[in-house]
């Protein structure tokens, strides 16, 4: 599977500021910032996580 267009992104907790998860996305097809609810190990609960850029 070719992923030449994909970029690495991190999912940063909006409450504690930790980057708990990493993934990739295609910026040409998904231009908006990715946001989802994920588990935050530091807070021990589900919180909102928003996309941040990672160094390649």
N, C-alpha and C. Protein backbone atom coordinates (compact mmCIF):
# COMPACT_ATOMS: atom_id res chain seq x y z
N UNK A 1 0.85 -1.18 0.00
CA UNK A 1 0.00 0.00 0.00
C UNK A 1 0.89 1.24 0.00
N UNK A 2 0.74 2.06 -0.99
CA UNK A 2 1.56 3.27 -1.12
C UNK A 2 1.00 4.37 -0.25
N UNK A 3 1.86 5.01 0.52
CA UNK A 3 1.42 6.14 1.35
C UNK A 3 2.34 7.34 1.14
N UNK A 4 2.65 7.65 -0.11
CA UNK A 4 3.55 8.75 -0.43
C UNK A 4 3.02 10.11 -0.05
N UNK A 5 1.69 10.29 -0.05
CA UNK A 5 1.10 11.59 0.26
C UNK A 5 0.83 11.78 1.74
N UNK A 6 0.90 10.73 2.52
CA UNK A 6 0.49 10.79 3.92
C UNK A 6 1.54 11.48 4.80
N UNK A 7 1.04 12.19 5.81
CA UNK A 7 1.92 12.86 6.77
C UNK A 7 1.64 12.30 8.17
N UNK A 8 2.67 12.36 9.03
CA UNK A 8 2.51 11.91 10.41
C UNK A 8 1.84 13.02 11.21
N UNK A 9 0.87 12.64 12.04
CA UNK A 9 0.23 13.59 12.94
C UNK A 9 0.18 12.97 14.34
N UNK A 10 0.15 13.82 15.33
CA UNK A 10 -0.03 13.39 16.71
C UNK A 10 -1.39 13.82 17.19
N UNK A 11 -1.94 13.09 18.15
CA UNK A 11 -3.21 13.47 18.76
C UNK A 11 -2.92 13.95 20.18
N UNK A 12 -3.13 15.25 20.39
CA UNK A 12 -2.77 15.91 21.64
C UNK A 12 -4.00 16.10 22.52
N UNK A 13 -3.89 15.70 23.78
CA UNK A 13 -4.98 15.87 24.74
C UNK A 13 -5.23 17.35 24.96
N UNK A 14 -6.49 17.76 24.89
CA UNK A 14 -6.83 19.16 25.07
C UNK A 14 -6.83 19.58 26.54
N UNK A 15 -6.86 18.62 27.47
CA UNK A 15 -6.89 18.96 28.89
C UNK A 15 -5.49 18.98 29.52
N UNK A 16 -4.66 17.96 29.25
CA UNK A 16 -3.34 17.91 29.90
C UNK A 16 -2.20 18.31 28.96
N UNK A 17 -2.42 18.31 27.63
CA UNK A 17 -1.40 18.75 26.68
C UNK A 17 -0.45 17.66 26.22
N UNK A 18 -0.64 16.42 26.67
CA UNK A 18 0.22 15.31 26.24
C UNK A 18 -0.17 14.82 24.85
N UNK A 19 0.84 14.43 24.05
CA UNK A 19 0.58 13.78 22.77
C UNK A 19 0.57 12.28 23.05
N UNK A 20 -0.62 11.70 23.11
CA UNK A 20 -0.78 10.31 23.52
C UNK A 20 -0.83 9.34 22.36
N UNK A 21 -1.16 9.78 21.17
CA UNK A 21 -1.35 8.88 20.03
C UNK A 21 -0.71 9.49 18.78
N UNK A 22 -0.28 8.62 17.85
CA UNK A 22 0.21 9.08 16.55
C UNK A 22 -0.50 8.30 15.47
N UNK A 23 -0.65 8.91 14.31
CA UNK A 23 -1.28 8.29 13.16
C UNK A 23 -0.84 9.03 11.91
N UNK A 24 -1.39 8.68 10.77
CA UNK A 24 -1.08 9.37 9.52
C UNK A 24 -2.38 9.82 8.87
N UNK A 25 -2.26 10.81 8.00
CA UNK A 25 -3.43 11.24 7.22
C UNK A 25 -2.97 11.79 5.89
N UNK A 26 -3.88 11.78 4.93
CA UNK A 26 -3.63 12.35 3.61
C UNK A 26 -4.14 13.79 3.63
N UNK A 27 -3.24 14.78 3.59
CA UNK A 27 -3.68 16.17 3.72
C UNK A 27 -4.44 16.70 2.50
N UNK A 28 -4.32 16.02 1.38
CA UNK A 28 -5.05 16.47 0.18
C UNK A 28 -6.53 16.14 0.27
N UNK A 29 -6.88 15.03 0.93
CA UNK A 29 -8.29 14.63 1.01
C UNK A 29 -8.94 15.04 2.33
N UNK A 30 -8.15 15.24 3.38
CA UNK A 30 -8.67 15.64 4.69
C UNK A 30 -7.96 16.92 5.11
N UNK A 31 -8.52 18.06 4.73
CA UNK A 31 -7.86 19.34 4.97
C UNK A 31 -8.13 19.88 6.37
N UNK A 32 -9.24 19.47 7.00
CA UNK A 32 -9.56 19.99 8.33
C UNK A 32 -8.77 19.25 9.40
N UNK A 33 -8.64 19.87 10.58
CA UNK A 33 -7.94 19.24 11.70
C UNK A 33 -8.76 18.08 12.23
N UNK A 34 -8.09 16.97 12.50
CA UNK A 34 -8.74 15.77 13.02
C UNK A 34 -8.93 15.93 14.52
N UNK A 35 -10.14 15.60 15.02
CA UNK A 35 -10.41 15.68 16.45
C UNK A 35 -11.30 14.51 16.84
N UNK A 36 -10.96 13.86 17.95
CA UNK A 36 -11.72 12.70 18.42
C UNK A 36 -11.58 12.57 19.92
N UNK A 37 -12.41 11.73 20.51
CA UNK A 37 -12.28 11.43 21.94
C UNK A 37 -11.44 10.17 22.08
N UNK A 38 -10.38 10.26 22.90
CA UNK A 38 -9.48 9.13 23.15
C UNK A 38 -9.18 9.08 24.65
N UNK A 39 -8.62 7.96 25.09
CA UNK A 39 -8.27 7.78 26.50
C UNK A 39 -6.96 8.49 26.81
N UNK A 40 -6.95 9.25 27.89
CA UNK A 40 -5.74 9.93 28.36
C UNK A 40 -5.22 9.18 29.58
N UNK A 41 -4.06 8.51 29.46
CA UNK A 41 -3.53 7.74 30.60
C UNK A 41 -3.21 8.60 31.83
N UNK A 42 -2.78 9.83 31.63
CA UNK A 42 -2.43 10.69 32.77
C UNK A 42 -3.69 11.05 33.58
N UNK A 43 -4.77 11.37 32.87
CA UNK A 43 -6.01 11.78 33.55
C UNK A 43 -6.91 10.58 33.88
N UNK A 44 -6.61 9.43 33.28
CA UNK A 44 -7.38 8.19 33.47
C UNK A 44 -8.85 8.36 33.10
N UNK A 45 -9.09 9.07 31.98
CA UNK A 45 -10.45 9.22 31.46
C UNK A 45 -10.38 9.58 29.98
N UNK A 46 -11.51 9.52 29.29
CA UNK A 46 -11.58 9.88 27.89
C UNK A 46 -11.70 11.40 27.77
N UNK A 47 -10.87 11.97 26.90
CA UNK A 47 -10.86 13.41 26.68
C UNK A 47 -10.79 13.70 25.19
N UNK A 48 -10.99 14.94 24.82
CA UNK A 48 -10.89 15.36 23.43
C UNK A 48 -9.42 15.45 23.03
N UNK A 49 -9.06 14.85 21.90
CA UNK A 49 -7.71 14.91 21.36
C UNK A 49 -7.76 15.56 19.99
N UNK A 50 -6.85 16.49 19.73
CA UNK A 50 -6.83 17.24 18.48
C UNK A 50 -5.49 17.03 17.78
N UNK A 51 -5.52 17.09 16.47
CA UNK A 51 -4.33 16.86 15.62
C UNK A 51 -3.29 17.94 15.80
N UNK A 52 -2.02 17.49 15.89
CA UNK A 52 -0.85 18.39 15.86
C UNK A 52 0.16 17.77 14.91
N UNK A 53 0.99 18.62 14.29
CA UNK A 53 2.02 18.12 13.38
C UNK A 53 3.17 17.51 14.16
N UNK A 54 3.75 16.46 13.60
CA UNK A 54 4.93 15.84 14.19
C UNK A 54 6.11 16.05 13.25
N UNK A 55 7.30 16.08 13.81
CA UNK A 55 8.51 16.17 12.98
C UNK A 55 8.70 14.84 12.27
N UNK A 56 8.97 14.88 10.99
CA UNK A 56 9.09 13.64 10.20
C UNK A 56 10.34 12.89 10.50
